[in-house]
Amino acid sequence: MSGEKDNAKDFFQKEKDDKVIRYRHLNKFVKKGEILFTGSSLMEQFPIQEIMLNHGMNKIIYNRGIGGYTIPEMLKALDEQIFALEPSKIFINIGTNDISIPEKTKEKLISDYREALNNIKKRLPDAEVFMMAYYPVNDAVAANEAWPGALKAVQLRMERLDEANKAVEELAKEFGYNYIDVNDGLTDENGRTKEEYSIDGIHMWSDAYEVIFENMKKYL
């Protein structure tokens, strides 16, 4: 059984590594100075191009999210995920995987995030940065998921979300960046992601991203 877990972990790591390489090649052809979405899977899965087409918008937005990424992983791929594009606006959603790791402390989350922001401030001093609040989750949906650990990860995330969002908001103030909560309309009366928006308790259908887009389009 442990061998199967190791194989799955190796496969997932290879997927992430391959994505960094693909981005490295894609970045040779970007138009510098545009808008960037970056982070982990919740950003990678944002169908921003399709949504903008539906809204008749013609802004250029590049998405450099990588599913499964933690902040330490992003720190190793800042060139591919951010700097090679030289964006004028950066929307960041990173850290949800970090707060799902039991041994990851709030202090370590803040320290890692601060390191990423220090790099951005140093290398892209004129960029406008938007640090996004973490999205809600749904433990009832996660309970029906086949993959092991889904419910436990969601429950831990639920416990830590408010504190993590406060920490990110404080970091935004520290760096003179923008903290934005675009979650209005995503949750039910209990503060969980609405069931119809939730795929597995963590990730969301495109319907949810339409709601998020309506909340964030004034910042684009």
N, C-alpha and C. Protein backbone atom coordinates (compact mmCIF):
# COMPACT_ATOMS: atom_id res chain seq x y z
N MET A 1 0.83 -1.21 0.00
CA MET A 1 0.00 0.00 0.00
C MET A 1 0.87 1.26 0.00
N SER A 2 1.95 1.20 0.80
CA SER A 2 2.84 2.37 0.85
C SER A 2 3.50 2.60 -0.50
N GLY A 3 3.75 1.49 -1.24
CA GLY A 3 4.32 1.62 -2.58
C GLY A 3 3.40 2.35 -3.52
N GLU A 4 2.09 2.07 -3.43
CA GLU A 4 1.11 2.77 -4.26
C GLU A 4 1.08 4.26 -3.93
N LYS A 5 1.17 4.57 -2.64
CA LYS A 5 1.18 5.98 -2.22
C LYS A 5 2.41 6.69 -2.77
N ASP A 6 3.55 6.01 -2.68
CA ASP A 6 4.79 6.61 -3.18
C ASP A 6 4.71 6.84 -4.69
N ASN A 7 4.13 5.88 -5.41
CA ASN A 7 3.98 6.03 -6.86
C ASN A 7 3.08 7.20 -7.21
N ALA A 8 1.98 7.33 -6.47
CA ALA A 8 1.05 8.43 -6.71
C ALA A 8 1.71 9.77 -6.41
N LYS A 9 2.49 9.79 -5.32
CA LYS A 9 3.19 11.02 -4.94
C LYS A 9 4.21 11.41 -6.01
N ASP A 10 4.95 10.41 -6.51
CA ASP A 10 5.94 10.67 -7.55
C ASP A 10 5.29 11.17 -8.83
N PHE A 11 4.14 10.59 -9.17
CA PHE A 11 3.43 11.00 -10.38
C PHE A 11 2.95 12.45 -10.24
N PHE A 12 2.39 12.76 -9.08
CA PHE A 12 1.89 14.11 -8.84
C PHE A 12 3.03 15.12 -8.88
N GLN A 13 4.18 14.75 -8.31
CA GLN A 13 5.33 15.65 -8.32
C GLN A 13 5.82 15.88 -9.73
N LYS A 14 5.83 14.83 -10.53
CA LYS A 14 6.26 14.96 -11.92
C LYS A 14 5.32 15.89 -12.69
N GLU A 15 4.02 15.78 -12.42
CA GLU A 15 3.06 16.68 -13.07
C GLU A 15 3.37 18.13 -12.74
N LYS A 16 3.67 18.40 -11.48
CA LYS A 16 3.99 19.77 -11.07
C LYS A 16 5.29 20.24 -11.72
N ASP A 17 6.28 19.39 -11.72
CA ASP A 17 7.57 19.75 -12.33
C ASP A 17 7.41 20.01 -13.83
N ASP A 18 6.61 19.17 -14.49
CA ASP A 18 6.38 19.34 -15.93
C ASP A 18 5.67 20.66 -16.22
N LYS A 19 4.78 21.05 -15.33
CA LYS A 19 4.04 22.29 -15.54
C LYS A 19 4.98 23.50 -15.45
N VAL A 20 5.91 23.46 -14.54
CA VAL A 20 6.90 24.53 -14.43
C VAL A 20 7.69 24.64 -15.73
N ILE A 21 8.06 23.52 -16.29
CA ILE A 21 8.81 23.52 -17.55
C ILE A 21 7.96 24.08 -18.68
N ARG A 22 6.68 23.68 -18.73
CA ARG A 22 5.78 24.19 -19.77
C ARG A 22 5.62 25.70 -19.65
N TYR A 23 5.48 26.19 -18.43
CA TYR A 23 5.36 27.63 -18.22
C TYR A 23 6.62 28.36 -18.66
N ARG A 24 7.76 27.73 -18.40
CA ARG A 24 9.04 28.34 -18.80
C ARG A 24 9.07 28.58 -20.31
N HIS A 25 8.56 27.62 -21.05
CA HIS A 25 8.50 27.77 -22.50
C HIS A 25 7.42 28.77 -22.92
N LEU A 26 6.26 28.69 -22.30
CA LEU A 26 5.18 29.62 -22.62
C LEU A 26 5.58 31.07 -22.38
N ASN A 27 6.34 31.29 -21.32
CA ASN A 27 6.70 32.65 -20.94
C ASN A 27 7.60 33.36 -21.96
N LYS A 28 8.17 32.60 -22.88
CA LYS A 28 8.98 33.22 -23.94
C LYS A 28 8.11 34.06 -24.87
N PHE A 29 6.80 33.80 -24.87
CA PHE A 29 5.93 34.43 -25.85
C PHE A 29 4.90 35.38 -25.23
N VAL A 30 4.99 35.64 -23.92
CA VAL A 30 4.00 36.50 -23.28
C VAL A 30 4.23 37.97 -23.64
N LYS A 31 3.19 38.73 -23.51
CA LYS A 31 3.29 40.18 -23.61
C LYS A 31 3.53 40.71 -22.21
N LYS A 32 4.67 41.34 -22.02
CA LYS A 32 5.04 41.81 -20.68
C LYS A 32 4.11 42.94 -20.22
N GLY A 33 3.99 43.08 -18.91
CA GLY A 33 3.26 44.19 -18.34
C GLY A 33 1.76 44.00 -18.26
N GLU A 34 1.29 42.75 -18.39
CA GLU A 34 -0.14 42.49 -18.35
C GLU A 34 -0.55 41.99 -16.95
N ILE A 35 -1.73 41.42 -16.86
CA ILE A 35 -2.29 40.94 -15.59
C ILE A 35 -1.92 39.47 -15.41
N LEU A 36 -1.60 39.09 -14.17
CA LEU A 36 -1.21 37.72 -13.87
C LEU A 36 -2.05 37.14 -12.74
N PHE A 37 -2.56 35.93 -12.95
CA PHE A 37 -3.16 35.12 -11.88
C PHE A 37 -2.13 34.04 -11.53
N THR A 38 -1.82 33.88 -10.26
CA THR A 38 -0.84 32.87 -9.88
C THR A 38 -1.18 32.26 -8.53
N GLY A 39 -0.70 31.04 -8.30
CA GLY A 39 -0.99 30.35 -7.05
C GLY A 39 -1.02 28.85 -7.23
N SER A 40 -1.98 28.22 -6.57
CA SER A 40 -2.10 26.76 -6.64
C SER A 40 -3.32 26.38 -7.49
N SER A 41 -3.90 25.21 -7.24
CA SER A 41 -4.96 24.70 -8.11
C SER A 41 -6.19 25.59 -8.16
N LEU A 42 -6.53 26.23 -7.06
CA LEU A 42 -7.72 27.07 -7.03
C LEU A 42 -7.57 28.30 -7.92
N MET A 43 -6.32 28.64 -8.24
CA MET A 43 -6.09 29.69 -9.22
C MET A 43 -5.92 29.08 -10.61
N GLU A 44 -5.22 27.96 -10.69
CA GLU A 44 -5.02 27.31 -11.98
C GLU A 44 -6.36 26.98 -12.64
N GLN A 45 -7.34 26.57 -11.85
CA GLN A 45 -8.63 26.15 -12.38
C GLN A 45 -9.60 27.31 -12.63
N PHE A 46 -9.15 28.54 -12.41
CA PHE A 46 -9.98 29.72 -12.67
C PHE A 46 -10.09 29.89 -14.19
N PRO A 47 -11.28 29.69 -14.78
CA PRO A 47 -11.41 29.77 -16.25
C PRO A 47 -11.56 31.22 -16.71
N ILE A 48 -10.54 32.00 -16.42
CA ILE A 48 -10.64 33.44 -16.62
C ILE A 48 -10.83 33.84 -18.08
N GLN A 49 -10.19 33.12 -19.00
CA GLN A 49 -10.33 33.49 -20.41
C GLN A 49 -11.76 33.29 -20.90
N GLU A 50 -12.36 32.15 -20.55
CA GLU A 50 -13.74 31.88 -20.96
C GLU A 50 -14.71 32.88 -20.34
N ILE A 51 -14.49 33.19 -19.08
CA ILE A 51 -15.37 34.14 -18.39
C ILE A 51 -15.28 35.52 -19.01
N MET A 52 -14.06 35.96 -19.32
CA MET A 52 -13.91 37.28 -19.94
C MET A 52 -14.60 37.32 -21.30
N LEU A 53 -14.49 36.24 -22.06
CA LEU A 53 -15.20 36.20 -23.36
C LEU A 53 -16.70 36.33 -23.16
N ASN A 54 -17.22 35.65 -22.14
CA ASN A 54 -18.65 35.73 -21.85
C ASN A 54 -19.09 37.14 -21.47
N HIS A 55 -18.15 37.90 -20.91
CA HIS A 55 -18.46 39.26 -20.46
C HIS A 55 -18.02 40.32 -21.47
N GLY A 56 -17.55 39.87 -22.60
CA GLY A 56 -17.14 40.82 -23.64
C GLY A 56 -15.93 41.64 -23.28
N MET A 57 -15.04 41.09 -22.46
CA MET A 57 -13.83 41.81 -22.04
C MET A 57 -12.63 41.30 -22.83
N ASN A 58 -11.72 42.19 -23.17
CA ASN A 58 -10.56 41.79 -23.97
C ASN A 58 -9.23 42.06 -23.28
N LYS A 59 -9.24 42.02 -21.95
CA LYS A 59 -7.99 42.18 -21.21
C LYS A 59 -7.11 40.95 -21.40
N ILE A 60 -5.82 41.13 -21.28
CA ILE A 60 -4.89 40.01 -21.33
C ILE A 60 -4.59 39.59 -19.89
N ILE A 61 -4.96 38.34 -19.57
CA ILE A 61 -4.68 37.80 -18.25
C ILE A 61 -4.01 36.44 -18.42
N TYR A 62 -2.83 36.31 -17.86
CA TYR A 62 -2.11 35.04 -17.89
C TYR A 62 -2.35 34.30 -16.58
N ASN A 63 -2.55 32.99 -16.68
CA ASN A 63 -2.75 32.16 -15.49
C ASN A 63 -1.54 31.24 -15.32
N ARG A 64 -0.89 31.37 -14.17
CA ARG A 64 0.28 30.53 -13.89
C ARG A 64 0.11 29.78 -12.56
N GLY A 65 -1.11 29.33 -12.30
CA GLY A 65 -1.35 28.50 -11.13
C GLY A 65 -0.83 27.09 -11.36
N ILE A 66 -0.46 26.42 -10.28
CA ILE A 66 0.02 25.04 -10.36
C ILE A 66 -0.67 24.22 -9.27
N GLY A 67 -1.47 23.24 -9.69
CA GLY A 67 -2.20 22.41 -8.75
C GLY A 67 -1.29 21.71 -7.76
N GLY A 68 -1.68 21.73 -6.48
CA GLY A 68 -0.92 21.07 -5.44
C GLY A 68 0.20 21.88 -4.84
N TYR A 69 0.43 23.09 -5.37
CA TYR A 69 1.58 23.87 -4.92
C TYR A 69 1.38 24.45 -3.52
N THR A 70 2.48 24.41 -2.77
CA THR A 70 2.57 25.10 -1.49
C THR A 70 3.43 26.35 -1.69
N ILE A 71 3.49 27.19 -0.68
CA ILE A 71 4.30 28.41 -0.82
C ILE A 71 5.79 28.08 -0.99
N PRO A 72 6.37 27.12 -0.24
CA PRO A 72 7.78 26.79 -0.49
C PRO A 72 8.02 26.33 -1.92
N GLU A 73 7.07 25.62 -2.52
CA GLU A 73 7.24 25.22 -3.91
C GLU A 73 7.20 26.42 -4.84
N MET A 74 6.30 27.36 -4.55
CA MET A 74 6.23 28.57 -5.36
C MET A 74 7.53 29.36 -5.26
N LEU A 75 8.12 29.38 -4.08
CA LEU A 75 9.38 30.11 -3.90
C LEU A 75 10.47 29.61 -4.85
N LYS A 76 10.41 28.32 -5.20
CA LYS A 76 11.38 27.76 -6.14
C LYS A 76 11.02 28.02 -7.59
N ALA A 77 9.80 28.47 -7.83
CA ALA A 77 9.32 28.66 -9.21
C ALA A 77 8.82 30.08 -9.45
N LEU A 78 9.35 31.03 -8.70
CA LEU A 78 8.90 32.42 -8.84
C LEU A 78 9.17 32.97 -10.24
N ASP A 79 10.25 32.55 -10.85
CA ASP A 79 10.54 33.02 -12.21
C ASP A 79 9.45 32.57 -13.17
N GLU A 80 9.10 31.29 -13.11
CA GLU A 80 8.11 30.74 -14.02
C GLU A 80 6.70 31.23 -13.70
N GLN A 81 6.39 31.37 -12.42
CA GLN A 81 5.03 31.73 -12.02
C GLN A 81 4.78 33.23 -12.00
N ILE A 82 5.86 34.03 -11.92
CA ILE A 82 5.66 35.48 -11.79
C ILE A 82 6.65 36.30 -12.62
N PHE A 83 7.93 36.21 -12.31
CA PHE A 83 8.88 37.22 -12.77
C PHE A 83 9.10 37.25 -14.27
N ALA A 84 9.06 36.11 -14.93
CA ALA A 84 9.30 36.09 -16.37
C ALA A 84 8.24 36.86 -17.15
N LEU A 85 7.07 37.04 -16.54
CA LEU A 85 5.97 37.75 -17.21
C LEU A 85 6.03 39.27 -16.98
N GLU A 86 6.80 39.69 -15.98
CA GLU A 86 6.89 41.11 -15.63
C GLU A 86 5.51 41.78 -15.59
N PRO A 87 4.59 41.21 -14.81
CA PRO A 87 3.21 41.72 -14.81
C PRO A 87 3.09 43.08 -14.14
N SER A 88 2.06 43.83 -14.56
CA SER A 88 1.76 45.10 -13.91
C SER A 88 0.80 44.91 -12.74
N LYS A 89 -0.01 43.83 -12.82
CA LYS A 89 -0.93 43.47 -11.74
C LYS A 89 -0.78 41.98 -11.46
N ILE A 90 -0.71 41.65 -10.17
CA ILE A 90 -0.57 40.25 -9.77
C ILE A 90 -1.67 39.89 -8.79
N PHE A 91 -2.42 38.86 -9.12
CA PHE A 91 -3.43 38.31 -8.20
C PHE A 91 -2.91 36.97 -7.69
N ILE A 92 -2.72 36.88 -6.37
CA ILE A 92 -2.12 35.69 -5.77
C ILE A 92 -3.13 34.95 -4.91
N ASN A 93 -3.22 33.64 -5.13
CA ASN A 93 -3.99 32.77 -4.24
C ASN A 93 -3.12 31.55 -3.96
N ILE A 94 -2.34 31.63 -2.92
CA ILE A 94 -1.41 30.56 -2.56
C ILE A 94 -1.46 30.33 -1.05
N GLY A 95 -1.35 29.08 -0.65
CA GLY A 95 -1.30 28.78 0.78
C GLY A 95 -2.38 27.84 1.26
N THR A 96 -3.39 27.57 0.43
CA THR A 96 -4.46 26.68 0.89
C THR A 96 -3.93 25.26 1.13
N ASN A 97 -2.96 24.84 0.34
CA ASN A 97 -2.38 23.51 0.57
C ASN A 97 -1.52 23.52 1.83
N ASP A 98 -0.91 24.65 2.12
CA ASP A 98 -0.09 24.75 3.33
C ASP A 98 -0.93 24.58 4.59
N ILE A 99 -2.10 25.22 4.61
CA ILE A 99 -2.92 25.14 5.83
C ILE A 99 -3.62 23.79 5.96
N SER A 100 -3.48 22.93 4.95
CA SER A 100 -4.01 21.57 5.05
C SER A 100 -2.97 20.58 5.57
N ILE A 101 -1.76 21.07 5.83
CA ILE A 101 -0.69 20.23 6.38
C ILE A 101 -0.72 20.38 7.90
N PRO A 102 -1.01 19.31 8.64
CA PRO A 102 -1.18 19.42 10.10
C PRO A 102 -0.02 20.09 10.81
N GLU A 103 1.22 19.76 10.39
CA GLU A 103 2.39 20.29 11.11
C GLU A 103 2.77 21.71 10.69
N LYS A 104 2.09 22.25 9.69
CA LYS A 104 2.42 23.61 9.22
C LYS A 104 1.79 24.63 10.16
N THR A 105 2.61 25.42 10.80
CA THR A 105 2.12 26.42 11.75
C THR A 105 1.76 27.72 11.04
N LYS A 106 0.98 28.52 11.72
CA LYS A 106 0.64 29.84 11.18
C LYS A 106 1.90 30.67 10.99
N GLU A 107 2.82 30.55 11.92
CA GLU A 107 4.07 31.32 11.85
C GLU A 107 4.87 30.94 10.62
N LYS A 108 4.89 29.64 10.29
CA LYS A 108 5.62 29.19 9.11
C LYS A 108 4.92 29.65 7.83
N LEU A 109 3.59 29.63 7.83
CA LEU A 109 2.82 30.13 6.69
C LEU A 109 3.16 31.60 6.43
N ILE A 110 3.16 32.40 7.49
CA ILE A 110 3.46 33.82 7.37
C ILE A 110 4.89 34.04 6.89
N SER A 111 5.82 33.29 7.47
CA SER A 111 7.23 33.43 7.10
C SER A 111 7.45 33.11 5.62
N ASP A 112 6.84 32.02 5.15
CA ASP A 112 6.99 31.64 3.74
C ASP A 112 6.36 32.67 2.82
N TYR A 113 5.15 33.11 3.17
CA TYR A 113 4.44 34.09 2.34
C TYR A 113 5.21 35.41 2.30
N ARG A 114 5.75 35.79 3.45
CA ARG A 114 6.53 37.03 3.51
C ARG A 114 7.76 36.96 2.61
N GLU A 115 8.39 35.81 2.56
CA GLU A 115 9.56 35.64 1.69
C GLU A 115 9.18 35.84 0.22
N ALA A 116 8.04 35.29 -0.17
CA ALA A 116 7.56 35.47 -1.55
C ALA A 116 7.30 36.94 -1.84
N LEU A 117 6.65 37.62 -0.90
CA LEU A 117 6.32 39.04 -1.09
C LEU A 117 7.57 39.91 -1.11
N ASN A 118 8.56 39.56 -0.29
CA ASN A 118 9.82 40.31 -0.32
C ASN A 118 10.47 40.22 -1.70
N ASN A 119 10.41 39.04 -2.29
CA ASN A 119 10.96 38.86 -3.64
C ASN A 119 10.21 39.69 -4.66
N ILE A 120 8.89 39.70 -4.55
CA ILE A 120 8.08 40.49 -5.49
C ILE A 120 8.36 41.98 -5.33
N LYS A 121 8.42 42.43 -4.10
CA LYS A 121 8.67 43.86 -3.83
C LYS A 121 10.03 44.28 -4.39
N LYS A 122 11.01 43.39 -4.27
CA LYS A 122 12.36 43.71 -4.73
C LYS A 122 12.45 43.71 -6.26
N ARG A 123 11.85 42.71 -6.90
CA ARG A 123 12.04 42.53 -8.34
C ARG A 123 10.97 43.21 -9.18
N LEU A 124 9.80 43.43 -8.59
CA LEU A 124 8.71 44.11 -9.32
C LEU A 124 8.13 45.21 -8.43
N PRO A 125 8.93 46.23 -8.13
CA PRO A 125 8.51 47.25 -7.17
C PRO A 125 7.29 48.05 -7.61
N ASP A 126 7.04 48.12 -8.90
CA ASP A 126 5.91 48.93 -9.39
C ASP A 126 4.64 48.11 -9.64
N ALA A 127 4.71 46.82 -9.42
CA ALA A 127 3.54 45.97 -9.67
C ALA A 127 2.48 46.20 -8.60
N GLU A 128 1.22 46.17 -9.04
CA GLU A 128 0.09 46.25 -8.12
C GLU A 128 -0.27 44.82 -7.73
N VAL A 129 -0.23 44.53 -6.43
CA VAL A 129 -0.40 43.16 -5.97
C VAL A 129 -1.70 43.01 -5.18
N PHE A 130 -2.46 41.97 -5.54
CA PHE A 130 -3.73 41.67 -4.88
C PHE A 130 -3.62 40.29 -4.24
N MET A 131 -3.64 40.25 -2.92
CA MET A 131 -3.56 38.99 -2.18
C MET A 131 -4.97 38.55 -1.85
N MET A 132 -5.37 37.42 -2.41
CA MET A 132 -6.76 36.99 -2.32
C MET A 132 -7.02 36.18 -1.05
N ALA A 133 -8.18 36.42 -0.45
CA ALA A 133 -8.61 35.61 0.69
C ALA A 133 -8.78 34.16 0.25
N TYR A 134 -8.54 33.24 1.16
CA TYR A 134 -8.73 31.83 0.85
C TYR A 134 -10.22 31.54 0.70
N TYR A 135 -10.53 30.65 -0.24
CA TYR A 135 -11.92 30.30 -0.52
C TYR A 135 -12.48 29.39 0.59
N PRO A 136 -13.80 29.40 0.74
CA PRO A 136 -14.43 28.49 1.71
C PRO A 136 -14.36 27.05 1.21
N VAL A 137 -14.74 26.11 2.07
CA VAL A 137 -14.74 24.68 1.73
C VAL A 137 -16.07 24.06 2.18
N ASN A 138 -16.27 22.79 1.87
CA ASN A 138 -17.50 22.11 2.26
C ASN A 138 -17.17 20.69 2.71
N ASP A 139 -17.29 20.44 4.02
CA ASP A 139 -16.94 19.13 4.56
C ASP A 139 -17.95 18.04 4.20
N ALA A 140 -19.22 18.43 3.99
CA ALA A 140 -20.23 17.43 3.63
C ALA A 140 -19.95 16.84 2.25
N VAL A 141 -19.51 17.68 1.33
CA VAL A 141 -19.14 17.19 -0.01
C VAL A 141 -17.88 16.35 0.09
N ALA A 142 -16.91 16.80 0.87
CA ALA A 142 -15.65 16.07 1.01
C ALA A 142 -15.86 14.68 1.61
N ALA A 143 -16.87 14.54 2.47
CA ALA A 143 -17.13 13.26 3.13
C ALA A 143 -17.52 12.18 2.12
N ASN A 144 -18.02 12.58 0.96
CA ASN A 144 -18.43 11.63 -0.07
C ASN A 144 -17.35 11.35 -1.11
N GLU A 145 -16.16 11.94 -0.90
CA GLU A 145 -15.08 11.76 -1.86
C GLU A 145 -14.36 10.44 -1.64
N ALA A 146 -13.93 9.85 -2.74
CA ALA A 146 -13.25 8.55 -2.67
C ALA A 146 -11.81 8.68 -2.21
N TRP A 147 -11.15 9.81 -2.55
CA TRP A 147 -9.72 9.88 -2.23
C TRP A 147 -9.49 10.03 -0.73
N PRO A 148 -8.59 9.21 -0.20
CA PRO A 148 -8.34 9.20 1.24
C PRO A 148 -7.78 10.53 1.73
N GLY A 149 -8.24 10.93 2.87
CA GLY A 149 -7.73 12.17 3.46
C GLY A 149 -8.49 13.41 3.07
N ALA A 150 -9.47 13.28 2.17
CA ALA A 150 -10.20 14.47 1.70
C ALA A 150 -10.91 15.17 2.84
N LEU A 151 -11.67 14.41 3.61
CA LEU A 151 -12.44 15.02 4.69
C LEU A 151 -11.53 15.62 5.74
N LYS A 152 -10.48 14.89 6.10
CA LYS A 152 -9.55 15.40 7.11
C LYS A 152 -8.91 16.71 6.66
N ALA A 153 -8.51 16.78 5.39
CA ALA A 153 -7.89 18.00 4.86
C ALA A 153 -8.87 19.16 4.90
N VAL A 154 -10.12 18.91 4.52
CA VAL A 154 -11.12 19.97 4.51
C VAL A 154 -11.43 20.44 5.92
N GLN A 155 -11.54 19.51 6.85
CA GLN A 155 -11.84 19.88 8.23
C GLN A 155 -10.72 20.73 8.83
N LEU A 156 -9.49 20.37 8.53
CA LEU A 156 -8.36 21.17 9.03
C LEU A 156 -8.36 22.55 8.40
N ARG A 157 -8.69 22.60 7.13
CA ARG A 157 -8.75 23.87 6.43
C ARG A 157 -9.85 24.75 7.03
N MET A 158 -10.99 24.15 7.34
CA MET A 158 -12.10 24.90 7.95
C MET A 158 -11.67 25.52 9.27
N GLU A 159 -10.93 24.75 10.06
CA GLU A 159 -10.47 25.24 11.37
C GLU A 159 -9.53 26.42 11.24
N ARG A 160 -8.75 26.44 10.16
CA ARG A 160 -7.67 27.41 10.04
C ARG A 160 -7.95 28.59 9.12
N LEU A 161 -9.05 28.52 8.35
CA LEU A 161 -9.28 29.53 7.32
C LEU A 161 -9.32 30.95 7.85
N ASP A 162 -10.12 31.18 8.89
CA ASP A 162 -10.28 32.55 9.39
C ASP A 162 -8.95 33.12 9.87
N GLU A 163 -8.21 32.33 10.62
CA GLU A 163 -6.93 32.80 11.14
C GLU A 163 -5.93 33.03 10.01
N ALA A 164 -5.95 32.14 9.02
CA ALA A 164 -5.05 32.29 7.88
C ALA A 164 -5.38 33.54 7.08
N ASN A 165 -6.66 33.81 6.89
CA ASN A 165 -7.06 35.00 6.14
C ASN A 165 -6.66 36.28 6.88
N LYS A 166 -6.78 36.27 8.20
CA LYS A 166 -6.35 37.43 8.97
C LYS A 166 -4.85 37.65 8.82
N ALA A 167 -4.10 36.56 8.80
CA ALA A 167 -2.64 36.65 8.65
C ALA A 167 -2.28 37.22 7.28
N VAL A 168 -2.98 36.77 6.23
CA VAL A 168 -2.72 37.27 4.88
C VAL A 168 -3.10 38.75 4.78
N GLU A 169 -4.19 39.13 5.42
CA GLU A 169 -4.60 40.53 5.41
C GLU A 169 -3.55 41.42 6.08
N GLU A 170 -2.98 40.93 7.18
CA GLU A 170 -1.94 41.69 7.87
C GLU A 170 -0.68 41.80 7.01
N LEU A 171 -0.35 40.73 6.32
CA LEU A 171 0.81 40.77 5.43
C LEU A 171 0.61 41.79 4.31
N ALA A 172 -0.60 41.84 3.78
CA ALA A 172 -0.89 42.81 2.72
C ALA A 172 -0.66 44.23 3.23
N LYS A 173 -1.10 44.51 4.44
CA LYS A 173 -0.89 45.84 5.03
C LYS A 173 0.60 46.11 5.21
N GLU A 174 1.32 45.11 5.65
CA GLU A 174 2.76 45.25 5.90
C GLU A 174 3.51 45.67 4.63
N PHE A 175 3.08 45.13 3.49
CA PHE A 175 3.78 45.39 2.23
C PHE A 175 3.14 46.49 1.39
N GLY A 176 2.03 47.04 1.89
CA GLY A 176 1.34 48.05 1.11
C GLY A 176 0.61 47.46 -0.09
N TYR A 177 0.24 46.18 0.00
CA TYR A 177 -0.47 45.51 -1.06
C TYR A 177 -1.98 45.46 -0.75
N ASN A 178 -2.74 44.92 -1.66
CA ASN A 178 -4.19 44.87 -1.53
C ASN A 178 -4.64 43.48 -1.09
N TYR A 179 -5.42 43.43 -0.02
CA TYR A 179 -6.06 42.17 0.39
C TYR A 179 -7.50 42.23 -0.10
N ILE A 180 -7.92 41.22 -0.87
CA ILE A 180 -9.29 41.24 -1.38
C ILE A 180 -10.00 39.93 -1.04
N ASP A 181 -11.21 40.07 -0.53
CA ASP A 181 -12.08 38.94 -0.24
C ASP A 181 -13.18 38.95 -1.29
N VAL A 182 -13.13 38.00 -2.21
CA VAL A 182 -14.10 37.97 -3.32
C VAL A 182 -15.03 36.77 -3.17
N ASN A 183 -15.27 36.38 -1.91
CA ASN A 183 -16.05 35.17 -1.64
C ASN A 183 -17.55 35.42 -1.45
N ASP A 184 -17.97 36.67 -1.53
CA ASP A 184 -19.39 36.97 -1.32
C ASP A 184 -20.26 36.20 -2.32
N GLY A 185 -21.21 35.44 -1.81
CA GLY A 185 -22.11 34.68 -2.67
C GLY A 185 -21.71 33.23 -2.85
N LEU A 186 -20.54 32.85 -2.34
CA LEU A 186 -20.08 31.46 -2.49
C LEU A 186 -20.59 30.53 -1.41
N THR A 187 -21.00 31.09 -0.26
CA THR A 187 -21.26 30.26 0.90
C THR A 187 -22.74 30.11 1.23
N ASP A 188 -23.04 29.01 1.96
CA ASP A 188 -24.39 28.78 2.45
C ASP A 188 -24.54 29.45 3.82
N GLU A 189 -25.66 29.17 4.49
CA GLU A 189 -25.93 29.82 5.78
C GLU A 189 -24.95 29.40 6.87
N ASN A 190 -24.20 28.31 6.65
CA ASN A 190 -23.24 27.84 7.64
C ASN A 190 -21.80 28.25 7.31
N GLY A 191 -21.66 29.05 6.27
CA GLY A 191 -20.33 29.52 5.89
C GLY A 191 -19.52 28.55 5.06
N ARG A 192 -20.16 27.46 4.61
CA ARG A 192 -19.49 26.49 3.75
C ARG A 192 -19.73 26.85 2.29
N THR A 193 -18.85 26.39 1.41
CA THR A 193 -19.10 26.55 -0.02
C THR A 193 -20.45 25.94 -0.35
N LYS A 194 -21.27 26.64 -1.09
CA LYS A 194 -22.56 26.07 -1.49
C LYS A 194 -22.31 24.74 -2.20
N GLU A 195 -23.14 23.76 -1.88
CA GLU A 195 -22.93 22.41 -2.39
C GLU A 195 -22.90 22.36 -3.92
N GLU A 196 -23.75 23.19 -4.55
CA GLU A 196 -23.81 23.17 -6.01
C GLU A 196 -22.55 23.75 -6.65
N TYR A 197 -21.73 24.45 -5.87
CA TYR A 197 -20.49 25.03 -6.39
C TYR A 197 -19.28 24.13 -6.14
N SER A 198 -19.42 23.15 -5.25
CA SER A 198 -18.27 22.39 -4.78
C SER A 198 -18.11 21.07 -5.52
N ILE A 199 -16.90 20.82 -6.02
CA ILE A 199 -16.60 19.57 -6.71
C ILE A 199 -16.27 18.46 -5.71
N ASP A 200 -15.35 18.75 -4.81
CA ASP A 200 -14.85 17.72 -3.89
C ASP A 200 -14.71 18.24 -2.46
N GLY A 201 -15.33 19.38 -2.18
CA GLY A 201 -15.19 20.00 -0.86
C GLY A 201 -14.17 21.11 -0.85
N ILE A 202 -13.23 21.07 -1.82
CA ILE A 202 -12.17 22.08 -1.92
C ILE A 202 -12.26 22.83 -3.25
N HIS A 203 -12.19 22.10 -4.34
CA HIS A 203 -12.22 22.71 -5.67
C HIS A 203 -13.65 23.03 -6.08
N MET A 204 -13.79 23.96 -7.04
CA MET A 204 -15.12 24.49 -7.36
C MET A 204 -15.42 24.42 -8.85
N TRP A 205 -16.70 24.31 -9.15
CA TRP A 205 -17.15 24.34 -10.54
C TRP A 205 -17.03 25.75 -11.11
N SER A 206 -17.12 25.86 -12.42
CA SER A 206 -16.98 27.16 -13.08
C SER A 206 -18.05 28.14 -12.63
N ASP A 207 -19.22 27.64 -12.21
CA ASP A 207 -20.29 28.51 -11.71
C ASP A 207 -19.79 29.38 -10.56
N ALA A 208 -18.98 28.77 -9.69
CA ALA A 208 -18.44 29.50 -8.54
C ALA A 208 -17.49 30.60 -9.01
N TYR A 209 -16.71 30.31 -10.04
CA TYR A 209 -15.77 31.31 -10.53
C TYR A 209 -16.47 32.49 -11.20
N GLU A 210 -17.67 32.26 -11.72
CA GLU A 210 -18.46 33.38 -12.24
C GLU A 210 -18.81 34.34 -11.11
N VAL A 211 -19.16 33.78 -9.94
CA VAL A 211 -19.45 34.60 -8.77
C VAL A 211 -18.20 35.36 -8.33
N ILE A 212 -17.09 34.66 -8.27
CA ILE A 212 -15.82 35.29 -7.87
C ILE A 212 -15.46 36.40 -8.83
N PHE A 213 -15.62 36.13 -10.12
CA PHE A 213 -15.28 37.14 -11.13
C PHE A 213 -16.12 38.40 -10.95
N GLU A 214 -17.40 38.25 -10.70
CA GLU A 214 -18.25 39.43 -10.49
C GLU A 214 -17.75 40.26 -9.31
N ASN A 215 -17.22 39.57 -8.30
CA ASN A 215 -16.72 40.27 -7.13
C ASN A 215 -15.36 40.92 -7.34
N MET A 216 -14.59 40.41 -8.31
CA MET A 216 -13.21 40.91 -8.46
C MET A 216 -12.99 41.73 -9.70
N LYS A 217 -13.96 41.81 -10.61
CA LYS A 217 -13.71 42.47 -11.89
C LYS A 217 -13.38 43.95 -11.74
N LYS A 218 -13.81 44.58 -10.64
CA LYS A 218 -13.47 45.99 -10.43
C LYS A 218 -11.97 46.18 -10.16
N TYR A 219 -11.29 45.09 -9.80
CA TYR A 219 -9.86 45.18 -9.52
C TYR A 219 -9.00 44.90 -10.76
N LEU A 220 -9.60 44.36 -11.81
CA LEU A 220 -8.84 43.95 -12.98
C LEU A 220 -8.37 45.14 -13.82
